Amino acid sequence: MSGESQTPAAVGGLALPSGVLRVGPLQGEMTQSFLTRLAARYGMAFRDLLAAVVDVDGLPNAMGRAQLDSEIYLNQEARDRVAQLCRVPQDRLLRALPAWAQEEPRRRFATGPAAQFHHTAEKVRCWGPACPECTARRTGRRETARLYLEPQERVCLSHRRWLMHIPGTAGRVMDLAECGQVLDAQRRHVRLLRRSALASDAFEVARAVTSSWWWQTWPQEHMWSARLRSQDSAGLDQDAWRVVARELVIYPETVALATLLASDGFRHRVVADAQGHLPFRLADLPSLLTAVAGCVRRPWYVEQLARETSGPLFAWAYQCVRAQGGTRAAEQAMWAVAPAHRQLPLVDELAARARVGSGGRSAEGKRRRGHSRQADEAFAAGLVHASRYVREHGNLAVPQDTVIDSYRLGEWLSNVQTRAWAIAPDRAQALAVLDPWWNIPWSVQWQRSYYRARDHAAVAGPPNAAAGFPGTQILNGEWLYLQCTHYSTLHPEQQRLLADIGITAEAARTALLRFPRCSGGADQLVRAGWRGFRFARSAVACSA
């Protein structure tokens, strides 16, 4: 609303032209956007209005610099001056402007009104341009504004617009006339938020998953490339356009996946698929693969995703199975996207993918936000020692007390394995290159025993279960017999490993206890059998 008074205005020693106007904020508007519109109504530049609000004895009491995509934070004295200028009560400004009283700004002077500008992703929440038609209807004027936007608010259904955030700019309003799928997805998103308490968390997980798919070079992916081409990049180079348009393009699949993840029935099917085992790869959860591929209308995802042993979708599935019958904290962990799996702020993504020179290499103006140089160096050091261990032993089944040149490799690897589902994909891939079984969900002791059996089979051929594993050492034969007797309780991946050396489900059913060839008569056979029984009893836990 707006109106005029015949009383001249003087705020902060500045006489304002055209009387005193009443200018109201838009709901969810950024404070800097509101002040910019207020200045325009008084026929002033933003910097002149700012001087009227925060100058102390003619000197600016503001920290930072105004940018197209920045936000301004005001102290109480400055807020009082703004309320006097716009003639809107403080309580209404507090309700409409999310950053109005969010933070006490730093100041140049000890007293007086003060302001501070922020533009980083840590300080300024996700925003976008307001729909021009909606703004004109609410204010009676054609003017630009910026709003804080939740994911479901980025679509204006009334005018078929996508409200795009582009760092360093005031944003861009995209026409969705050719993107009916995005409009339909927004309707489904709103319905999901109304009926499910998990909707917001599920959407964050789904967005991390679809964002990770976005950067894959899958030749079967055609829908996203077609949707991307349907929008006008308006002068942005293709690398930058792929970054800023990502959220728009993947939005329908993100909503579909969020709806699936929020379903109680789906989560119960995932847990049932696991059969009491933590997954090693997504192939261990066939119901999940089928459902995910179906909800995003990409049947080829079943095969494409089956090999995944890391990433946000695997992390969610792992925590879903782990939370079964667990504590409230375990259930909450299912919806906490690991920092390594979160999408980067757009400004960081643009910097990381900026081209420099003719070589086309990527550059970062500064270190990636939330990334620790010390953590990178520690992981690199551990990887060097892990590589040395693999060269010597052929695998990463490392006992926890293993030390190499005073470096506690076993302890380091155990710590990495504890939160392996949450590590960055590039780190998981680096370890998988050394040993694809580096992060088994069963004991390292089982894996070491398996490698001994595998090495024997490579020399002597597949073990003969029906004959009692002749030719094997006593402990090796007893271990193989134990796996056969507990075959149905083993992890599916353990069963696949055993099948690789000839111990299939059929062979396991015919297995006999391994007895050594000896001349000691029945007493020695009995003693050998008793050793096998004791070994089996003590090693049951090691087979799980």
Protein backbone atom coordinates (compact mmCIF):
# COMPACT_ATOMS: atom_id res chain seq x y z
CA MET A 1 0.00 0.00 0.00
CA SER A 2 1.05 3.61 -0.47
CA GLY A 3 -0.28 7.01 0.41
CA GLU A 4 0.90 10.59 0.91
CA SER A 5 0.92 13.06 3.78
CA GLN A 6 1.32 16.82 3.54
CA THR A 7 3.86 16.79 6.38
CA PRO A 8 7.49 17.00 5.14
CA ALA A 9 9.82 14.24 6.35
CA ALA A 10 13.25 14.59 7.84
CA VAL A 11 15.04 11.40 8.90
CA GLY A 12 18.64 11.35 10.08
CA GLY A 13 18.98 15.03 9.17
CA LEU A 14 17.94 14.39 5.53
CA ALA A 15 14.88 16.15 4.16
CA LEU A 16 12.96 13.71 1.95
CA PRO A 17 11.10 14.93 -1.16
CA SER A 18 7.45 14.40 -2.12
CA GLY A 19 6.09 14.20 1.39
CA VAL A 20 6.01 11.08 3.53
CA LEU A 21 5.03 7.87 1.74
CA ARG A 22 3.67 4.62 3.11
CA VAL A 23 5.51 1.69 1.52
CA GLY A 24 4.82 -1.81 2.74
CA PRO A 25 7.10 -4.86 2.41
CA LEU A 26 6.29 -8.00 0.47
CA GLN A 27 5.95 -11.15 2.53
CA GLY A 28 9.34 -12.87 2.69
CA GLU A 29 11.16 -9.95 1.08
CA MET A 30 14.87 -9.35 1.64
CA THR A 31 15.54 -6.24 3.70
CA GLN A 32 17.88 -4.74 1.10
CA SER A 33 15.25 -5.29 -1.58
CA PHE A 34 12.66 -3.51 0.55
CA LEU A 35 15.00 -0.55 1.20
CA THR A 36 15.80 -0.33 -2.52
CA ARG A 37 12.09 -0.12 -3.35
CA LEU A 38 11.59 2.41 -0.55
CA ALA A 39 14.37 4.58 -1.95
CA ALA A 40 12.85 4.40 -5.43
CA ARG A 41 9.49 5.60 -4.08
CA TYR A 42 11.23 8.65 -2.65
CA GLY A 43 13.05 9.18 -5.97
CA MET A 44 16.41 8.48 -4.35
CA ALA A 45 19.36 6.21 -4.94
CA PHE A 46 19.76 3.36 -2.45
CA ARG A 47 23.01 4.82 -1.10
CA ASP A 48 21.28 8.11 -0.31
CA LEU A 49 18.53 6.38 1.62
CA LEU A 50 21.16 4.33 3.46
CA ALA A 51 22.90 7.55 4.45
CA ALA A 52 19.63 8.82 5.93
CA VAL A 53 19.24 5.60 7.91
CA VAL A 54 22.73 4.85 9.29
CA ASP A 55 24.92 7.96 9.01
CA VAL A 56 26.30 9.20 12.34
CA ASP A 57 27.39 12.87 12.30
CA GLY A 58 27.66 12.70 8.53
CA LEU A 59 29.76 9.53 8.52
CA PRO A 60 28.47 6.11 7.40
CA ASN A 61 28.08 3.55 10.17
CA ALA A 62 27.85 0.60 7.78
CA MET A 63 30.12 -2.41 7.40
CA GLY A 64 30.62 -4.18 4.09
CA ARG A 65 29.47 -3.17 0.64
CA ALA A 66 26.11 -3.38 -1.07
CA GLN A 67 25.97 -5.83 -3.99
CA LEU A 68 23.17 -6.94 -6.27
CA ASP A 69 22.76 -10.19 -4.31
CA SER A 70 23.63 -9.00 -0.79
CA GLU A 71 21.48 -8.60 2.31
CA ILE A 72 21.57 -5.82 4.88
CA TYR A 73 21.19 -6.23 8.63
CA LEU A 74 20.14 -3.28 10.80
CA ASN A 75 20.34 -2.53 14.50
CA GLN A 76 17.35 -1.25 16.46
CA GLU A 77 18.05 2.45 15.89
CA ALA A 78 18.35 1.93 12.14
CA ARG A 79 15.17 -0.15 12.11
CA ASP A 80 13.34 2.66 13.89
CA ARG A 81 14.41 5.12 11.20
CA VAL A 82 13.26 2.78 8.42
CA ALA A 83 9.89 2.30 10.12
CA GLN A 84 9.56 6.11 10.29
CA LEU A 85 10.35 6.40 6.59
CA CYS A 86 7.97 3.71 5.35
CA ARG A 87 5.26 4.40 7.95
CA VAL A 88 4.80 0.68 8.66
CA PRO A 89 4.69 -0.61 12.26
CA GLN A 90 7.71 -2.54 13.50
CA ASP A 91 5.69 -5.69 14.22
CA ARG A 92 4.52 -5.89 10.62
CA LEU A 93 8.05 -5.35 9.32
CA LEU A 94 9.24 -8.14 11.63
CA ARG A 95 6.60 -10.53 10.29
CA ALA A 96 7.22 -9.72 6.63
CA LEU A 97 11.03 -9.39 6.49
CA PRO A 98 12.84 -12.60 7.59
CA ALA A 99 16.18 -10.78 8.14
CA TRP A 100 14.68 -7.70 9.78
CA ALA A 101 15.90 -8.50 13.31
CA GLN A 102 17.93 -11.61 12.51
CA GLU A 103 21.36 -10.32 13.50
CA GLU A 104 22.94 -7.41 15.38
CA PRO A 105 25.35 -5.83 12.89
CA ARG A 106 28.92 -4.86 13.52
CA ARG A 107 29.52 -1.11 13.55
CA ARG A 108 32.19 1.46 12.93
CA PHE A 109 31.10 3.67 15.82
CA ALA A 110 30.13 2.73 19.34
CA THR A 111 26.72 4.37 19.23
CA GLY A 112 24.04 5.29 16.73
CA PRO A 113 22.23 3.42 13.96
CA ALA A 114 24.29 0.75 12.19
CA ALA A 115 24.10 -1.60 9.23
CA GLN A 116 26.11 -4.48 7.83
CA PHE A 117 26.03 -6.17 4.43
CA HIS A 118 26.38 -9.91 3.85
CA HIS A 119 26.36 -11.86 0.60
CA THR A 120 27.86 -15.26 1.47
CA ALA A 121 25.88 -18.50 1.47
CA GLU A 122 26.50 -18.95 5.20
CA LYS A 123 24.78 -15.66 6.02
CA VAL A 124 22.15 -15.23 3.31
CA ARG A 125 19.51 -17.89 2.81
CA CYS A 126 18.31 -19.04 -0.61
CA TRP A 127 16.50 -16.26 -2.44
CA GLY A 128 15.13 -15.45 -5.86
CA PRO A 129 13.45 -12.63 -7.77
CA ALA A 130 9.80 -11.93 -7.04
CA CYS A 131 7.35 -12.63 -9.85
CA PRO A 132 6.93 -9.24 -11.62
CA GLU A 133 3.20 -9.67 -12.18
CA CYS A 134 2.61 -10.63 -8.54
CA THR A 135 4.72 -7.68 -7.36
CA ALA A 136 2.78 -5.24 -9.54
CA ARG A 137 -0.52 -6.57 -8.22
CA ARG A 138 0.58 -6.22 -4.58
CA THR A 139 2.33 -2.84 -4.80
CA GLY A 140 0.54 -1.16 -7.68
CA ARG A 141 3.85 -0.56 -9.46
CA ARG A 142 6.13 -2.37 -11.90
CA GLU A 143 9.24 -2.84 -9.76
CA THR A 144 11.76 -5.55 -9.02
CA ALA A 145 12.09 -7.29 -5.67
CA ARG A 146 13.96 -10.21 -4.15
CA LEU A 147 12.37 -12.76 -1.80
CA TYR A 148 13.62 -15.53 0.44
CA LEU A 149 12.22 -18.66 -1.21
CA GLU A 150 11.62 -22.18 -0.02
CA PRO A 151 12.01 -24.85 -2.74
CA GLN A 152 8.25 -25.06 -3.38
CA GLU A 153 8.04 -21.26 -3.65
CA ARG A 154 10.41 -21.04 -6.60
CA VAL A 155 7.51 -21.66 -8.99
CA CYS A 156 4.79 -19.03 -9.52
CA LEU A 157 1.88 -21.15 -10.71
CA SER A 158 -0.34 -18.14 -11.45
CA HIS A 159 2.02 -16.76 -14.07
CA ARG A 160 4.03 -19.91 -14.96
CA ARG A 161 7.36 -18.54 -13.81
CA TRP A 162 10.52 -20.03 -12.28
CA LEU A 163 12.24 -17.61 -9.91
CA MET A 164 15.92 -18.34 -10.52
CA HIS A 165 18.75 -17.44 -8.17
CA ILE A 166 21.94 -16.39 -9.99
CA PRO A 167 24.84 -15.25 -7.77
CA GLY A 168 26.08 -11.73 -8.40
CA THR A 169 22.80 -10.67 -10.01
CA ALA A 170 19.25 -9.78 -8.96
CA GLY A 171 18.12 -13.18 -10.25
CA ARG A 172 16.15 -14.11 -13.35
CA VAL A 173 12.48 -14.90 -13.99
CA MET A 174 12.12 -17.89 -16.34
CA ASP A 175 9.04 -18.66 -18.44
CA LEU A 176 7.71 -22.18 -17.78
CA ALA A 177 5.14 -22.25 -20.58
CA GLU A 178 7.03 -25.15 -22.19
CA CYS A 179 7.77 -26.94 -18.90
CA GLY A 180 4.47 -28.41 -17.75
CA GLN A 181 6.33 -31.10 -15.79
CA VAL A 182 7.83 -28.43 -13.51
CA LEU A 183 4.40 -26.90 -12.86
CA ASP A 184 2.89 -30.32 -12.08
CA ALA A 185 5.80 -31.10 -9.77
CA GLN A 186 5.16 -27.92 -7.77
CA ARG A 187 1.54 -28.96 -7.17
CA ARG A 188 2.67 -32.41 -6.01
CA HIS A 189 5.32 -30.81 -3.80
CA VAL A 190 2.76 -28.63 -2.01
CA ARG A 191 0.46 -31.63 -1.47
CA LEU A 192 3.36 -33.64 -0.06
CA LEU A 193 4.23 -30.86 2.40
CA ARG A 194 0.64 -30.79 3.61
CA ARG A 195 0.28 -34.49 4.28
CA SER A 196 3.73 -35.64 5.40
CA ALA A 197 5.75 -34.44 8.37
CA LEU A 198 8.86 -35.85 6.66
CA ALA A 199 8.35 -33.93 3.42
CA SER A 200 10.95 -31.20 3.97
CA ASP A 201 13.63 -33.65 5.11
CA ALA A 202 12.82 -36.05 2.29
CA PHE A 203 13.10 -33.23 -0.25
CA GLU A 204 16.56 -32.27 1.02
CA VAL A 205 17.74 -35.88 0.69
CA ALA A 206 16.15 -36.19 -2.74
CA ARG A 207 17.74 -32.95 -3.91
CA ALA A 208 21.18 -34.20 -2.84
CA VAL A 209 20.55 -37.42 -4.80
CA THR A 210 19.28 -35.82 -8.01
CA SER A 211 22.05 -33.20 -7.87
CA SER A 212 24.61 -36.00 -7.76
CA TRP A 213 22.96 -37.57 -10.82
CA TRP A 214 23.00 -34.24 -12.65
CA TRP A 215 26.77 -34.28 -13.10
CA GLN A 216 26.94 -37.86 -14.37
CA THR A 217 27.65 -38.49 -18.06
CA TRP A 218 25.07 -41.22 -18.59
CA PRO A 219 24.42 -41.67 -22.33
CA GLN A 220 20.82 -42.79 -21.69
CA GLU A 221 19.89 -39.46 -20.08
CA HIS A 222 17.80 -37.44 -22.54
CA MET A 223 14.97 -35.87 -20.53
CA TRP A 224 17.15 -33.45 -18.59
CA SER A 225 19.11 -32.32 -21.64
CA ALA A 226 15.84 -31.64 -23.50
CA ARG A 227 14.44 -29.70 -20.54
CA LEU A 228 17.65 -27.68 -20.31
CA ARG A 229 17.51 -26.79 -24.03
CA SER A 230 13.90 -25.63 -23.69
CA GLN A 231 15.04 -22.71 -21.53
CA ASP A 232 16.85 -19.61 -22.77
CA SER A 233 20.33 -19.30 -21.26
CA ALA A 234 20.27 -15.57 -22.05
CA GLY A 235 23.97 -15.10 -22.68
CA LEU A 236 25.40 -17.38 -19.98
CA ASP A 237 28.08 -19.80 -21.15
CA GLN A 238 27.08 -23.45 -21.08
CA ASP A 239 29.08 -24.35 -17.98
CA ALA A 240 27.50 -21.56 -15.94
CA TRP A 241 24.06 -22.30 -17.40
CA ARG A 242 24.25 -25.96 -16.34
CA VAL A 243 24.99 -24.80 -12.79
CA VAL A 244 22.27 -22.18 -12.36
CA ALA A 245 19.59 -24.15 -14.28
CA ARG A 246 20.19 -27.42 -12.42
CA GLU A 247 17.54 -26.90 -9.75
CA LEU A 248 14.90 -26.07 -12.35
CA VAL A 249 15.72 -29.03 -14.60
CA ILE A 250 15.87 -31.68 -11.85
CA TYR A 251 12.87 -30.33 -9.89
CA PRO A 252 10.24 -32.85 -11.19
CA GLU A 253 12.48 -35.84 -10.41
CA THR A 254 13.44 -34.37 -7.03
CA VAL A 255 9.78 -34.06 -6.01
CA ALA A 256 9.01 -37.58 -7.26
CA LEU A 257 11.94 -39.05 -5.32
CA ALA A 258 11.06 -37.05 -2.17
CA THR A 259 7.52 -38.45 -2.33
CA LEU A 260 8.93 -41.97 -2.52
CA LEU A 261 11.40 -41.49 0.35
CA ALA A 262 8.69 -40.05 2.60
CA SER A 263 6.51 -43.15 2.12
CA ASP A 264 6.35 -45.46 5.14
CA GLY A 265 5.59 -48.45 2.92
CA PHE A 266 8.66 -47.85 0.78
CA ARG A 267 10.97 -47.62 3.78
CA HIS A 268 9.54 -50.87 5.17
CA ARG A 269 10.24 -52.59 1.83
CA VAL A 270 13.84 -51.35 1.90
CA VAL A 271 14.33 -52.75 5.39
CA ALA A 272 12.73 -56.06 4.42
CA ASP A 273 15.02 -56.30 1.38
CA ALA A 274 18.08 -55.99 3.61
CA GLN A 275 17.15 -59.20 5.54
CA GLY A 276 18.91 -57.94 8.65
CA HIS A 277 22.15 -56.99 6.85
CA LEU A 278 23.56 -53.54 6.24
CA PRO A 279 23.89 -53.01 2.47
CA PHE A 280 27.26 -53.13 0.81
CA ARG A 281 25.96 -51.80 -2.51
CA LEU A 282 22.55 -50.74 -3.79
CA ALA A 283 22.22 -54.05 -5.63
CA ASP A 284 21.55 -55.58 -2.19
CA LEU A 285 18.24 -53.65 -2.11
CA PRO A 286 16.42 -54.56 -5.36
CA SER A 287 13.09 -53.08 -4.21
CA LEU A 288 14.77 -49.70 -3.76
CA LEU A 289 16.29 -49.78 -7.22
CA THR A 290 13.02 -50.73 -8.88
CA ALA A 291 11.02 -48.10 -7.00
CA VAL A 292 13.53 -45.28 -7.60
CA ALA A 293 13.81 -46.07 -11.31
CA GLY A 294 10.03 -46.20 -11.57
CA CYS A 295 9.32 -42.93 -9.79
CA VAL A 296 11.73 -40.93 -11.99
CA ARG A 297 10.65 -42.84 -15.15
CA ARG A 298 14.08 -44.16 -15.98
CA PRO A 299 14.02 -47.98 -15.98
CA TRP A 300 17.72 -48.08 -16.88
CA TYR A 301 18.53 -46.68 -13.42
CA VAL A 302 18.13 -50.21 -11.98
CA GLU A 303 21.33 -51.36 -13.64
CA GLN A 304 23.06 -47.97 -13.46
CA LEU A 305 22.62 -47.53 -9.70
CA ALA A 306 23.10 -51.15 -8.64
CA ARG A 307 26.89 -50.77 -8.42
CA GLU A 308 26.84 -47.75 -6.12
CA THR A 309 28.58 -48.22 -2.76
CA SER A 310 28.63 -44.54 -1.77
CA GLY A 311 26.82 -41.28 -2.41
CA PRO A 312 23.65 -39.69 -0.98
CA LEU A 313 21.19 -42.40 -2.09
CA PHE A 314 23.35 -45.18 -0.69
CA ALA A 315 23.86 -43.19 2.53
CA TRP A 316 20.08 -42.80 2.95
CA ALA A 317 19.47 -46.51 2.33
CA TYR A 318 22.25 -47.50 4.71
CA GLN A 319 20.85 -45.32 7.48
CA CYS A 320 17.30 -46.50 6.76
CA VAL A 321 18.31 -50.11 7.34
CA ARG A 322 20.48 -49.17 10.30
CA ALA A 323 17.63 -47.26 11.97
CA GLN A 324 15.33 -50.30 12.02
CA GLY A 325 14.45 -50.92 15.66
CA GLY A 326 16.98 -48.29 16.71
CA THR A 327 16.84 -45.05 18.66
CA ARG A 328 15.23 -41.77 17.70
CA ALA A 329 18.70 -40.43 16.92
CA ALA A 330 19.25 -43.27 14.43
CA GLU A 331 15.98 -42.42 12.68
CA GLN A 332 16.93 -38.75 12.49
CA ALA A 333 20.31 -39.66 10.99
CA MET A 334 18.45 -41.07 7.99
CA TRP A 335 17.36 -37.55 7.02
CA ALA A 336 20.63 -35.74 7.75
CA VAL A 337 22.44 -35.17 4.46
CA ALA A 338 26.17 -35.59 5.04
CA PRO A 339 28.20 -32.42 4.32
CA ALA A 340 30.13 -34.26 1.60
CA HIS A 341 26.85 -35.04 -0.20
CA ARG A 342 25.24 -31.60 -0.02
CA GLN A 343 25.05 -29.53 -3.16
CA LEU A 344 27.52 -26.67 -3.16
CA PRO A 345 26.21 -23.09 -2.98
CA LEU A 346 25.81 -21.83 -6.53
CA VAL A 347 28.58 -19.26 -6.13
CA ASP A 348 31.01 -22.04 -5.19
CA GLU A 349 29.77 -24.31 -7.96
CA LEU A 350 30.25 -21.55 -10.51
CA ALA A 351 33.76 -20.86 -9.22
CA ALA A 352 34.68 -24.55 -9.27
CA ARG A 353 33.55 -24.97 -12.87
CA ALA A 354 34.85 -21.66 -14.24
CA ARG A 355 37.12 -22.12 -17.24
CA VAL A 356 40.55 -20.49 -17.17
CA GLY A 357 42.81 -20.22 -20.17
CA SER A 358 42.66 -22.39 -23.23
CA GLY A 359 43.40 -25.54 -21.24
CA GLY A 360 39.87 -25.61 -19.86
CA ARG A 361 41.00 -26.43 -16.33
CA SER A 362 38.79 -25.62 -13.35
CA ALA A 363 39.76 -22.96 -10.84
CA GLU A 364 38.51 -21.96 -7.42
CA GLY A 365 38.90 -18.39 -6.25
CA LYS A 366 39.12 -19.69 -2.70
CA ARG A 367 39.04 -22.98 -0.91
CA ARG A 368 35.75 -24.82 -1.15
CA ARG A 369 33.35 -23.72 1.55
CA GLY A 370 33.23 -26.12 4.51
CA HIS A 371 36.34 -27.94 3.30
CA SER A 372 39.30 -28.45 5.64
CA ARG A 373 42.83 -28.44 4.24
CA GLN A 374 43.97 -30.38 7.30
CA ALA A 375 41.35 -33.08 6.67
CA ASP A 376 42.43 -33.32 3.02
CA GLU A 377 46.06 -33.71 3.98
CA ALA A 378 45.21 -36.33 6.62
CA PHE A 379 43.22 -38.36 4.09
CA ALA A 380 46.00 -38.09 1.51
CA ALA A 381 48.52 -39.38 4.06
CA GLY A 382 46.28 -42.30 4.96
CA LEU A 383 45.78 -43.12 1.28
CA VAL A 384 49.53 -43.26 0.70
CA HIS A 385 50.00 -45.79 3.51
CA ALA A 386 46.94 -47.75 2.37
CA SER A 387 48.45 -47.98 -1.11
CA ARG A 388 51.65 -49.37 0.35
CA TYR A 389 49.71 -51.97 2.34
CA VAL A 390 47.84 -53.07 -0.80
CA ARG A 391 51.09 -53.45 -2.73
CA GLU A 392 52.38 -55.74 0.00
CA HIS A 393 49.22 -57.69 0.86
CA GLY A 394 46.89 -57.26 -2.12
CA ASN A 395 43.91 -55.98 -0.12
CA LEU A 396 42.73 -53.56 2.58
CA ALA A 397 41.58 -56.13 5.15
CA VAL A 398 43.74 -54.30 7.67
CA PRO A 399 43.78 -55.34 11.36
CA GLN A 400 43.02 -52.35 13.55
CA ASP A 401 46.39 -52.52 15.31
CA THR A 402 48.38 -52.33 12.05
CA VAL A 403 51.18 -49.74 12.10
CA ILE A 404 53.35 -48.83 9.09
CA ASP A 405 56.42 -46.68 9.79
CA SER A 406 54.80 -45.38 13.00
CA TYR A 407 51.61 -44.53 11.03
CA ARG A 408 48.52 -46.16 12.57
CA LEU A 409 46.99 -47.38 9.33
CA GLY A 410 44.53 -49.78 10.98
CA GLU A 411 43.17 -47.06 13.25
CA TRP A 412 42.91 -44.57 10.37
CA LEU A 413 41.09 -47.00 8.10
CA SER A 414 38.74 -48.05 10.90
CA ASN A 415 37.82 -44.41 11.50
CA VAL A 416 37.14 -43.88 7.80
CA GLN A 417 35.04 -47.05 7.64
CA THR A 418 32.93 -45.97 10.61
CA ARG A 419 31.41 -43.14 8.55
CA ALA A 420 32.16 -44.48 5.09
CA TRP A 421 28.55 -43.88 4.00
CA ALA A 422 29.10 -40.15 4.62
CA ILE A 423 32.45 -39.53 2.92
CA ALA A 424 32.86 -37.68 -0.36
CA PRO A 425 32.42 -39.84 -3.49
CA ASP A 426 35.93 -39.06 -4.72
CA ARG A 427 37.44 -40.38 -1.48
CA ALA A 428 35.31 -43.52 -1.61
CA GLN A 429 36.39 -44.04 -5.22
CA ALA A 430 40.08 -43.61 -4.33
CA LEU A 431 39.81 -46.38 -1.72
CA ALA A 432 37.72 -48.60 -4.02
CA VAL A 433 40.47 -48.40 -6.63
CA LEU A 434 42.85 -49.91 -4.08
CA ASP A 435 40.39 -52.58 -2.91
CA PRO A 436 36.71 -52.74 -3.95
CA TRP A 437 36.02 -54.49 -0.63
CA TRP A 438 37.61 -51.82 1.53
CA ASN A 439 34.38 -51.07 3.41
CA ILE A 440 32.69 -54.39 4.09
CA PRO A 441 29.67 -54.47 6.43
CA TRP A 442 31.04 -57.64 8.05
CA SER A 443 34.17 -58.27 10.08
CA VAL A 444 37.71 -57.80 8.78
CA GLN A 445 38.54 -61.22 10.28
CA TRP A 446 36.01 -62.87 7.96
CA GLN A 447 37.49 -61.08 4.98
CA ARG A 448 41.04 -62.11 5.85
CA SER A 449 39.90 -65.74 6.19
CA TYR A 450 38.21 -65.48 2.83
CA TYR A 451 41.36 -64.17 1.17
CA ARG A 452 43.29 -67.20 2.51
CA ALA A 453 40.64 -69.51 1.08
CA ARG A 454 40.68 -67.61 -2.22
CA ASP A 455 44.47 -67.83 -2.50
CA HIS A 456 44.33 -71.58 -1.86
CA ALA A 457 41.62 -72.03 -4.49
CA ALA A 458 43.70 -70.10 -7.01
CA VAL A 459 46.46 -72.69 -6.63
CA ALA A 460 44.61 -75.94 -5.86
CA GLY A 461 41.28 -75.29 -7.52
CA PRO A 462 37.80 -74.87 -5.99
CA PRO A 463 37.40 -76.53 -2.57
CA ASN A 464 35.48 -79.83 -2.57
CA ALA A 465 32.79 -79.27 0.06
CA ALA A 466 31.18 -82.71 -0.38
CA ALA A 467 34.52 -84.43 0.38
CA GLY A 468 35.23 -82.37 3.51
CA PHE A 469 37.57 -79.83 1.86
CA PRO A 470 40.56 -82.14 1.32
CA GLY A 471 43.94 -80.51 0.81
CA THR A 472 43.14 -77.44 2.87
CA GLN A 473 44.81 -76.53 6.13
CA ILE A 474 42.81 -77.46 9.21
CA LEU A 475 41.64 -73.96 10.13
CA ASN A 476 40.96 -73.08 6.52
CA GLY A 477 38.87 -76.21 6.02
CA GLU A 478 37.00 -75.65 9.27
CA TRP A 479 36.31 -72.04 8.29
CA LEU A 480 34.93 -73.11 4.92
CA TYR A 481 32.72 -75.72 6.59
CA LEU A 482 31.42 -73.07 8.99
CA GLN A 483 30.44 -70.82 6.07
CA CYS A 484 28.55 -73.69 4.50
CA THR A 485 26.62 -74.51 7.68
CA HIS A 486 25.65 -70.83 8.11
CA TYR A 487 25.33 -70.05 4.40
CA SER A 488 21.73 -68.82 4.57
CA THR A 489 22.61 -66.24 7.26
CA LEU A 490 25.54 -64.73 5.37
CA HIS A 491 25.36 -61.33 3.70
CA PRO A 492 24.43 -61.61 -0.01
CA GLU A 493 27.83 -60.18 -0.90
CA GLN A 494 29.55 -62.79 1.26
CA GLN A 495 27.64 -65.46 -0.63
CA ARG A 496 28.81 -63.95 -3.94
CA LEU A 497 32.41 -63.97 -2.76
CA LEU A 498 32.16 -67.63 -1.74
CA ALA A 499 30.54 -68.47 -5.06
CA ASP A 500 33.59 -67.00 -6.79
CA ILE A 501 35.73 -69.79 -5.26
CA GLY A 502 33.16 -72.53 -5.88
CA ILE A 503 31.11 -72.48 -2.65
CA THR A 504 27.60 -71.99 -4.00
CA ALA A 505 24.33 -72.62 -2.15
CA GLU A 506 24.19 -76.12 -3.70
CA ALA A 507 27.77 -76.92 -2.70
CA ALA A 508 27.15 -75.63 0.83
CA ARG A 509 24.29 -78.10 1.33
CA THR A 510 26.65 -81.02 0.62
CA ALA A 511 29.49 -79.86 2.86
CA LEU A 512 31.18 -82.23 5.31
CA LEU A 513 33.44 -81.27 8.18
CA ARG A 514 37.08 -81.21 7.15
CA PHE A 515 39.18 -83.94 8.85
CA PRO A 516 42.96 -84.07 8.48
CA ARG A 517 44.63 -87.10 6.93
CA CYS A 518 46.48 -88.72 9.85
CA SER A 519 47.63 -92.02 11.37
CA GLY A 520 46.45 -91.41 14.89
CA GLY A 521 43.21 -93.40 14.52
CA ALA A 522 39.77 -92.51 15.81
CA ASP A 523 41.00 -90.46 18.79
CA GLN A 524 42.75 -87.97 16.55
CA LEU A 525 39.71 -87.75 14.25
CA VAL A 526 37.52 -86.99 17.24
CA ARG A 527 39.97 -84.35 18.46
CA ALA A 528 40.01 -82.76 15.01
CA GLY A 529 36.23 -82.74 14.97
CA TRP A 530 36.14 -81.17 18.45
CA ARG A 531 38.52 -78.44 17.31
CA GLY A 532 36.20 -77.75 14.38
CA PHE A 533 33.22 -77.51 16.71
CA ARG A 534 35.02 -75.11 19.04
CA PHE A 535 36.17 -73.02 16.10
CA ALA A 536 32.66 -72.91 14.70
CA ARG A 537 31.21 -71.86 18.03
CA SER A 538 33.77 -69.06 18.51
CA ALA A 539 33.65 -67.81 14.93
CA VAL A 540 29.90 -67.52 14.38
CA ALA A 541 30.07 -63.78 15.13
CA CYS A 542 32.88 -63.37 12.61
CA SER A 543 30.75 -64.64 9.74
CA ALA A 544 28.11 -61.96 10.09
